[in-house]
Amino acid sequence: MSRFAGAIFDVDGVLLASPHERAWREALQGIADPDLFTPELYRSQVAGKPRHDGALAGLLSLGVRDAQGLARVYAARKQARLEVLIKTGTVHAFPDAVRFVLASKARGLLVAAASSSRNATAMMRAIPLERGGTLLDALDVDVSGRDVAHGKPAPDLFLAAAHALGVTPADCFVAEDATAGIRAANAGGMQALGVARFHEASSLEAAGADLVVTSLDEVDLEALGEGRLERRIS
């Protein structure tokens, strides 16, 4: 394969530590026991999906009666709670992610963000970089929250990102922390880089990740120039 031309990043859990999981959990109050909304349930059933799809999947996993009817209410409550948490400054960037984005750009890759969340753009705009500007300014393209025919695990959002970058999907890799995102990358003909910040390496590997790391500092930057996802040899 030729060198990579594009790098596409999910946002929550890859670029940013955001309060999405906390908001989903706290929004369950009065619907189901929030203590049952574990990190594992969030990452396997909710993370990476469009808001309504995530709400429905979470409620179904918890065995909530009338999950279909309550999904919109749950999604709206989660959004309201998330907006409050964002305003209180609970979002920050992972330092390794910022380093990796800038290093990828320095090697000539075009960089895109592609999150299902409509909140991702505002959160990235709020992250200042030491060199000046914001994390959003460092990207070439941001398609986060864009309306597509099918959400993850369908590849539509990642294909939209590749199109916006002006590169073919086969010349891109996707960095994702959710199994739905890994499957979406595979379905779009892109290589998948799993980011297992919370001990979910086995599930990302099972979903089809080409490489799984716990920090983006582990990725071999030189191999990217040859179109390969490899772990850096220390």
C-alpha atoms as a PDB file:
ATOM      1  CA  MET A   1       0.000   0.000   0.000  1.00  0.00           C
ATOM      2  CA  SER A   2       1.104   3.588  -0.625  1.00  0.00           C
ATOM      3  CA  ARG A   3       1.650   6.023   2.221  1.00  0.00           C
ATOM      4  CA  PHE A   4      -1.346   7.252   4.150  1.00  0.00           C
ATOM      5  CA  ALA A   5      -2.854  10.468   2.847  1.00  0.00           C
ATOM      6  CA  GLY A   6      -5.474  11.034   5.537  1.00  0.00           C
ATOM      7  CA  ALA A   7      -5.940  10.485   9.259  1.00  0.00           C
ATOM      8  CA  ILE A   8      -9.486  10.498  10.624  1.00  0.00           C
ATOM      9  CA  PHE A   9     -10.104  10.811  14.353  1.00  0.00           C
ATOM     10  CA  ASP A  10     -13.083  10.084  16.531  1.00  0.00           C
ATOM     11  CA  VAL A  11     -13.233  12.767  19.227  1.00  0.00           C
ATOM     12  CA  ASP A  12     -14.583  11.553  22.574  1.00  0.00           C
ATOM     13  CA  GLY A  13     -12.122   9.062  24.051  1.00  0.00           C
ATOM     14  CA  VAL A  14      -9.544   9.562  21.299  1.00  0.00           C
ATOM     15  CA  LEU A  15      -8.814  13.291  21.122  1.00  0.00           C
ATOM     16  CA  LEU A  16     -10.738  14.471  24.176  1.00  0.00           C
ATOM     17  CA  ALA A  17     -11.693  13.254  27.612  1.00  0.00           C
ATOM     18  CA  SER A  18     -15.250  14.503  27.700  1.00  0.00           C
ATOM     19  CA  PRO A  19     -18.150  13.999  30.114  1.00  0.00           C
ATOM     20  CA  HIS A  20     -20.300  12.026  27.651  1.00  0.00           C
ATOM     21  CA  GLU A  21     -20.270   8.843  29.703  1.00  0.00           C
ATOM     22  CA  ARG A  22     -21.052  10.746  32.906  1.00  0.00           C
ATOM     23  CA  ALA A  23     -23.919  12.583  31.201  1.00  0.00           C
ATOM     24  CA  TRP A  24     -25.456   9.362  29.907  1.00  0.00           C
ATOM     25  CA  ARG A  25     -25.200   7.815  33.373  1.00  0.00           C
ATOM     26  CA  GLU A  26     -26.665  10.769  35.256  1.00  0.00           C
ATOM     27  CA  ALA A  27     -29.489  11.179  32.729  1.00  0.00           C
ATOM     28  CA  LEU A  28     -30.734   7.701  33.644  1.00  0.00           C
ATOM     29  CA  GLN A  29     -32.021   8.914  37.004  1.00  0.00           C
ATOM     30  CA  GLY A  30     -35.732   8.111  37.143  1.00  0.00           C
ATOM     31  CA  ILE A  31     -35.506   5.785  34.124  1.00  0.00           C
ATOM     32  CA  ALA A  32     -33.169   3.083  35.402  1.00  0.00           C
ATOM     33  CA  ASP A  33     -30.502   2.619  38.056  1.00  0.00           C
ATOM     34  CA  PRO A  34     -27.548   4.821  37.028  1.00  0.00           C
ATOM     35  CA  ASP A  35     -25.168   2.456  38.832  1.00  0.00           C
ATOM     36  CA  LEU A  36     -25.963  -0.193  36.216  1.00  0.00           C
ATOM     37  CA  PHE A  37     -24.590   2.066  33.475  1.00  0.00           C
ATOM     38  CA  THR A  38     -21.014   0.783  33.634  1.00  0.00           C
ATOM     39  CA  PRO A  39     -18.051   2.012  31.590  1.00  0.00           C
ATOM     40  CA  GLU A  40     -18.110  -1.313  29.757  1.00  0.00           C
ATOM     41  CA  LEU A  41     -21.768  -0.853  28.792  1.00  0.00           C
ATOM     42  CA  TYR A  42     -21.059   2.693  27.617  1.00  0.00           C
ATOM     43  CA  ARG A  43     -18.140   1.684  25.408  1.00  0.00           C
ATOM     44  CA  SER A  44     -19.753  -1.434  23.944  1.00  0.00           C
ATOM     45  CA  GLN A  45     -23.310  -0.195  23.420  1.00  0.00           C
ATOM     46  CA  VAL A  46     -23.424   3.606  23.373  1.00  0.00           C
ATOM     47  CA  ALA A  47     -20.062   5.157  22.470  1.00  0.00           C
ATOM     48  CA  GLY A  48     -19.581   6.197  18.873  1.00  0.00           C
ATOM     49  CA  LYS A  49     -23.237   5.973  17.886  1.00  0.00           C
ATOM     50  CA  PRO A  50     -25.598   8.818  16.971  1.00  0.00           C
ATOM     51  CA  ARG A  51     -27.398  10.155  20.041  1.00  0.00           C
ATOM     52  CA  HIS A  52     -30.773   8.444  19.607  1.00  0.00           C
ATOM     53  CA  ASP A  53     -29.175   5.157  18.555  1.00  0.00           C
ATOM     54  CA  GLY A  54     -26.932   5.246  21.619  1.00  0.00           C
ATOM     55  CA  ALA A  55     -29.841   6.032  23.915  1.00  0.00           C
ATOM     56  CA  LEU A  56     -31.896   3.165  22.553  1.00  0.00           C
ATOM     57  CA  ALA A  57     -29.000   0.710  22.690  1.00  0.00           C
ATOM     58  CA  GLY A  58     -28.234   1.679  26.283  1.00  0.00           C
ATOM     59  CA  LEU A  59     -31.837   1.272  27.414  1.00  0.00           C
ATOM     60  CA  LEU A  60     -32.207  -2.055  25.643  1.00  0.00           C
ATOM     61  CA  SER A  61     -28.998  -3.322  27.257  1.00  0.00           C
ATOM     62  CA  LEU A  62     -30.386  -2.362  30.658  1.00  0.00           C
ATOM     63  CA  GLY A  63     -33.654  -4.145  29.961  1.00  0.00           C
ATOM     64  CA  VAL A  64     -35.722  -0.979  30.342  1.00  0.00           C
ATOM     65  CA  ARG A  65     -39.409  -1.373  29.552  1.00  0.00           C
ATOM     66  CA  ASP A  66     -40.608   0.703  26.603  1.00  0.00           C
ATOM     67  CA  ALA A  67     -37.022   1.449  25.576  1.00  0.00           C
ATOM     68  CA  GLN A  68     -38.282   2.614  22.180  1.00  0.00           C
ATOM     69  CA  GLY A  69     -40.629   5.126  23.734  1.00  0.00           C
ATOM     70  CA  LEU A  70     -38.129   6.418  26.280  1.00  0.00           C
ATOM     71  CA  ALA A  71     -35.101   6.699  23.986  1.00  0.00           C
ATOM     72  CA  ARG A  72     -35.877  10.252  22.819  1.00  0.00           C
ATOM     73  CA  VAL A  73     -36.503  11.428  26.365  1.00  0.00           C
ATOM     74  CA  TYR A  74     -33.282   9.818  27.558  1.00  0.00           C
ATOM     75  CA  ALA A  75     -31.281  11.312  24.678  1.00  0.00           C
ATOM     76  CA  ALA A  76     -32.649  14.798  25.373  1.00  0.00           C
ATOM     77  CA  ARG A  77     -31.897  14.528  29.091  1.00  0.00           C
ATOM     78  CA  LYS A  78     -28.365  13.383  28.332  1.00  0.00           C
ATOM     79  CA  GLN A  79     -27.801  16.349  25.995  1.00  0.00           C
ATOM     80  CA  ALA A  80     -29.040  18.826  28.576  1.00  0.00           C
ATOM     81  CA  ARG A  81     -26.793  17.330  31.245  1.00  0.00           C
ATOM     82  CA  LEU A  82     -23.812  17.250  28.878  1.00  0.00           C
ATOM     83  CA  GLU A  83     -24.166  20.941  28.063  1.00  0.00           C
ATOM     84  CA  VAL A  84     -24.041  21.778  31.758  1.00  0.00           C
ATOM     85  CA  LEU A  85     -20.952  19.642  32.277  1.00  0.00           C
ATOM     86  CA  ILE A  86     -19.172  21.189  29.287  1.00  0.00           C
ATOM     87  CA  LYS A  87     -19.841  24.698  30.619  1.00  0.00           C
ATOM     88  CA  THR A  88     -18.232  23.749  33.931  1.00  0.00           C
ATOM     89  CA  GLY A  89     -14.944  22.913  32.184  1.00  0.00           C
ATOM     90  CA  THR A  90     -14.918  19.136  32.408  1.00  0.00           C
ATOM     91  CA  VAL A  91     -13.399  18.639  28.928  1.00  0.00           C
ATOM     92  CA  HIS A  92      -9.677  18.325  28.225  1.00  0.00           C
ATOM     93  CA  ALA A  93      -7.492  17.002  25.434  1.00  0.00           C
ATOM     94  CA  PHE A  94      -5.344  13.922  25.768  1.00  0.00           C
ATOM     95  CA  PRO A  95      -1.741  15.194  25.407  1.00  0.00           C
ATOM     96  CA  ASP A  96      -0.689  12.144  23.379  1.00  0.00           C
ATOM     97  CA  ALA A  97      -3.546  12.816  20.944  1.00  0.00           C
ATOM     98  CA  VAL A  98      -2.492  16.424  20.383  1.00  0.00           C
ATOM     99  CA  ARG A  99       1.087  15.289  19.789  1.00  0.00           C
ATOM    100  CA  PHE A 100      -0.081  12.620  17.338  1.00  0.00           C
ATOM    101  CA  VAL A 101      -2.342  14.966  15.368  1.00  0.00           C
ATOM    102  CA  LEU A 102       0.444  17.521  14.984  1.00  0.00           C
ATOM    103  CA  ALA A 103       3.015  14.843  14.124  1.00  0.00           C
ATOM    104  CA  SER A 104       0.695  13.378  11.484  1.00  0.00           C
ATOM    105  CA  LYS A 105       0.268  16.798   9.901  1.00  0.00           C
ATOM    106  CA  ALA A 106       4.013  17.365  10.005  1.00  0.00           C
ATOM    107  CA  ARG A 107       4.400  14.202   7.928  1.00  0.00           C
ATOM    108  CA  GLY A 108       2.067  15.523   5.276  1.00  0.00           C
ATOM    109  CA  LEU A 109      -1.151  13.770   6.259  1.00  0.00           C
ATOM    110  CA  LEU A 110      -4.467  15.576   6.044  1.00  0.00           C
ATOM    111  CA  VAL A 111      -6.361  15.326   9.327  1.00  0.00           C
ATOM    112  CA  ALA A 112     -10.086  15.125   9.984  1.00  0.00           C
ATOM    113  CA  ALA A 113     -12.354  14.750  13.001  1.00  0.00           C
ATOM    114  CA  ALA A 114     -15.405  12.539  12.534  1.00  0.00           C
ATOM    115  CA  SER A 115     -17.498  12.158  15.662  1.00  0.00           C
ATOM    116  CA  SER A 116     -21.156  11.217  15.781  1.00  0.00           C
ATOM    117  CA  SER A 117     -21.557  13.846  18.500  1.00  0.00           C
ATOM    118  CA  ARG A 118     -22.881  17.263  17.548  1.00  0.00           C
ATOM    119  CA  ASN A 119     -21.038  18.609  20.585  1.00  0.00           C
ATOM    120  CA  ALA A 120     -17.584  17.626  19.350  1.00  0.00           C
ATOM    121  CA  THR A 121     -16.879  20.748  17.308  1.00  0.00           C
ATOM    122  CA  ALA A 122     -17.587  23.133  20.171  1.00  0.00           C
ATOM    123  CA  MET A 123     -15.494  21.049  22.549  1.00  0.00           C
ATOM    124  CA  MET A 124     -12.485  21.050  20.196  1.00  0.00           C
ATOM    125  CA  ARG A 125     -12.856  24.803  19.685  1.00  0.00           C
ATOM    126  CA  ALA A 126     -12.475  25.204  23.459  1.00  0.00           C
ATOM    127  CA  ILE A 127      -9.108  23.407  23.590  1.00  0.00           C
ATOM    128  CA  PRO A 128      -6.172  25.854  23.199  1.00  0.00           C
ATOM    129  CA  LEU A 129      -2.851  24.678  21.790  1.00  0.00           C
ATOM    130  CA  GLU A 130       0.541  25.844  23.056  1.00  0.00           C
ATOM    131  CA  ARG A 131       1.530  26.901  19.545  1.00  0.00           C
ATOM    132  CA  GLY A 132      -1.583  29.090  19.316  1.00  0.00           C
ATOM    133  CA  GLY A 133      -5.051  28.492  17.994  1.00  0.00           C
ATOM    134  CA  THR A 134      -7.258  25.638  19.070  1.00  0.00           C
ATOM    135  CA  LEU A 135      -7.464  21.920  18.464  1.00  0.00           C
ATOM    136  CA  LEU A 136     -10.186  22.592  15.920  1.00  0.00           C
ATOM    137  CA  ASP A 137      -7.853  24.965  14.065  1.00  0.00           C
ATOM    138  CA  ALA A 138      -5.276  22.174  13.761  1.00  0.00           C
ATOM    139  CA  LEU A 139      -7.666  20.040  11.702  1.00  0.00           C
ATOM    140  CA  ASP A 140      -8.075  20.206   7.955  1.00  0.00           C
ATOM    141  CA  VAL A 141     -11.673  18.973   8.104  1.00  0.00           C
ATOM    142  CA  ASP A 142     -14.341  18.458  10.754  1.00  0.00           C
ATOM    143  CA  VAL A 143     -17.463  16.478   9.851  1.00  0.00           C
ATOM    144  CA  SER A 144     -18.535  15.837  13.439  1.00  0.00           C
ATOM    145  CA  GLY A 145     -22.287  15.678  13.897  1.00  0.00           C
ATOM    146  CA  ARG A 146     -22.941  15.722  10.165  1.00  0.00           C
ATOM    147  CA  ASP A 147     -26.211  14.162   9.065  1.00  0.00           C
ATOM    148  CA  VAL A 148     -25.513  10.913   7.232  1.00  0.00           C
ATOM    149  CA  ALA A 149     -27.840   8.189   6.049  1.00  0.00           C
ATOM    150  CA  HIS A 150     -26.494   5.649   8.520  1.00  0.00           C
ATOM    151  CA  GLY A 151     -24.547   6.138  11.754  1.00  0.00           C
ATOM    152  CA  LYS A 152     -21.676   3.999  13.003  1.00  0.00           C
ATOM    153  CA  PRO A 153     -21.086   1.066  12.634  1.00  0.00           C
ATOM    154  CA  ALA A 154     -21.965   2.018   9.060  1.00  0.00           C
ATOM    155  CA  PRO A 155     -19.038   3.806   7.357  1.00  0.00           C
ATOM    156  CA  ASP A 156     -20.978   6.851   6.116  1.00  0.00           C
ATOM    157  CA  LEU A 157     -19.402   9.440   8.439  1.00  0.00           C
ATOM    158  CA  PHE A 158     -15.846   8.255   7.788  1.00  0.00           C
ATOM    159  CA  LEU A 159     -16.486   8.166   4.043  1.00  0.00           C
ATOM    160  CA  ALA A 160     -17.755  11.741   4.293  1.00  0.00           C
ATOM    161  CA  ALA A 161     -14.537  12.709   6.075  1.00  0.00           C
ATOM    162  CA  ALA A 162     -12.358  11.106   3.406  1.00  0.00           C
ATOM    163  CA  HIS A 163     -14.364  12.840   0.679  1.00  0.00           C
ATOM    164  CA  ALA A 164     -14.023  16.193   2.441  1.00  0.00           C
ATOM    165  CA  LEU A 165     -10.269  15.657   2.702  1.00  0.00           C
ATOM    166  CA  GLY A 166     -10.139  14.818  -0.992  1.00  0.00           C
ATOM    167  CA  VAL A 167      -8.505  11.429  -0.487  1.00  0.00           C
ATOM    168  CA  THR A 168      -9.615   7.880  -1.216  1.00  0.00           C
ATOM    169  CA  PRO A 169     -10.800   5.840   1.783  1.00  0.00           C
ATOM    170  CA  ALA A 170      -8.159   3.186   1.201  1.00  0.00           C
ATOM    171  CA  ASP A 171      -5.484   5.825   1.794  1.00  0.00           C
ATOM    172  CA  CYS A 172      -6.854   6.725   5.243  1.00  0.00           C
ATOM    173  CA  PHE A 173      -6.670   5.299   8.709  1.00  0.00           C
ATOM    174  CA  VAL A 174      -9.211   5.896  11.454  1.00  0.00           C
ATOM    175  CA  ALA A 175      -8.385   6.296  15.163  1.00  0.00           C
ATOM    176  CA  GLU A 176     -11.273   5.017  17.295  1.00  0.00           C
ATOM    177  CA  ASP A 177     -11.943   3.917  20.860  1.00  0.00           C
ATOM    178  CA  ALA A 178     -15.339   2.299  20.252  1.00  0.00           C
ATOM    179  CA  THR A 179     -16.114  -1.024  18.617  1.00  0.00           C
ATOM    180  CA  ALA A 180     -18.811   0.606  16.469  1.00  0.00           C
ATOM    181  CA  GLY A 181     -16.171   2.969  15.070  1.00  0.00           C
ATOM    182  CA  ILE A 182     -13.708   0.172  14.364  1.00  0.00           C
ATOM    183  CA  ARG A 183     -16.378  -1.725  12.430  1.00  0.00           C
ATOM    184  CA  ALA A 184     -17.279   1.466  10.562  1.00  0.00           C
ATOM    185  CA  ALA A 185     -13.664   1.979   9.499  1.00  0.00           C
ATOM    186  CA  ASN A 186     -13.443  -1.601   8.261  1.00  0.00           C
ATOM    187  CA  ALA A 187     -16.706  -1.268   6.377  1.00  0.00           C
ATOM    188  CA  GLY A 188     -15.340   1.833   4.656  1.00  0.00           C
ATOM    189  CA  GLY A 189     -12.169   0.086   3.500  1.00  0.00           C
ATOM    190  CA  MET A 190      -9.930   2.029   5.886  1.00  0.00           C
ATOM    191  CA  GLN A 191      -7.339   0.783   8.330  1.00  0.00           C
ATOM    192  CA  ALA A 192      -8.441   0.990  11.957  1.00  0.00           C
ATOM    193  CA  LEU A 193      -6.308   2.166  14.863  1.00  0.00           C
ATOM    194  CA  GLY A 194      -7.863   1.174  18.172  1.00  0.00           C
ATOM    195  CA  VAL A 195      -7.206   3.458  21.136  1.00  0.00           C
ATOM    196  CA  ALA A 196      -7.739   1.448  24.333  1.00  0.00           C
ATOM    197  CA  ARG A 197      -7.413   4.025  27.076  1.00  0.00           C
ATOM    198  CA  PHE A 198      -9.651   2.048  29.435  1.00  0.00           C
ATOM    199  CA  HIS A 199      -8.543  -1.589  29.121  1.00  0.00           C
ATOM    200  CA  GLU A 200     -10.833  -2.425  26.194  1.00  0.00           C
ATOM    201  CA  ALA A 201      -8.057  -3.715  23.897  1.00  0.00           C
ATOM    202  CA  SER A 202      -9.569  -7.177  23.455  1.00  0.00           C
ATOM    203  CA  SER A 203     -12.931  -5.828  22.282  1.00  0.00           C
ATOM    204  CA  LEU A 204     -11.264  -3.451  19.810  1.00  0.00           C
ATOM    205  CA  GLU A 205      -9.147  -6.280  18.451  1.00  0.00           C
ATOM    206  CA  ALA A 206     -12.208  -8.503  18.155  1.00  0.00           C
ATOM    207  CA  ALA A 207     -14.001  -5.719  16.255  1.00  0.00           C
ATOM    208  CA  GLY A 208     -11.218  -5.751  13.643  1.00  0.00           C
ATOM    209  CA  ALA A 209      -8.673  -3.096  14.631  1.00  0.00           C
ATOM    210  CA  ASP A 210      -5.425  -3.359  12.666  1.00  0.00           C
ATOM    211  CA  LEU A 211      -3.471  -2.060  15.662  1.00  0.00           C
ATOM    212  CA  VAL A 212      -4.507  -1.361  19.246  1.00  0.00           C
ATOM    213  CA  VAL A 213      -2.560   0.996  21.515  1.00  0.00           C
ATOM    214  CA  THR A 214      -3.207   2.449  24.951  1.00  0.00           C
ATOM    215  CA  SER A 215      -1.565   5.751  23.977  1.00  0.00           C
ATOM    216  CA  LEU A 216      -1.076   7.311  20.550  1.00  0.00           C
ATOM    217  CA  ASP A 217       2.560   7.855  21.533  1.00  0.00           C
ATOM    218  CA  GLU A 218       2.971   4.119  20.869  1.00  0.00           C
ATOM    219  CA  VAL A 219       2.314   4.457  17.121  1.00  0.00           C
ATOM    220  CA  ASP A 220       5.334   4.251  14.827  1.00  0.00           C
ATOM    221  CA  LEU A 221       5.238   7.559  12.965  1.00  0.00           C
ATOM    222  CA  GLU A 222       7.750   6.439  10.368  1.00  0.00           C
ATOM    223  CA  ALA A 223       5.567   3.466   9.406  1.00  0.00           C
ATOM    224  CA  LEU A 224       2.716   5.855   8.622  1.00  0.00           C
ATOM    225  CA  GLY A 225       4.819   7.111   5.728  1.00  0.00           C
ATOM    226  CA  GLU A 226       4.667   3.605   4.270  1.00  0.00           C
ATOM    227  CA  GLY A 227       0.951   3.139   4.823  1.00  0.00           C
ATOM    228  CA  ARG A 228       1.324   0.848   7.832  1.00  0.00           C
ATOM    229  CA  LEU A 229      -0.062   0.977  11.354  1.00  0.00           C
ATOM    230  CA  GLU A 230       2.673  -0.381  13.622  1.00  0.00           C
ATOM    231  CA  ARG A 231       3.747  -0.079  17.209  1.00  0.00           C
ATOM    232  CA  ARG A 232       6.857   1.967  17.820  1.00  0.00           C
ATOM    233  CA  ILE A 233       9.800  -0.100  19.006  1.00  0.00           C
ATOM    234  CA  SER A 234      11.187   1.557  22.141  1.00  0.00           C
END
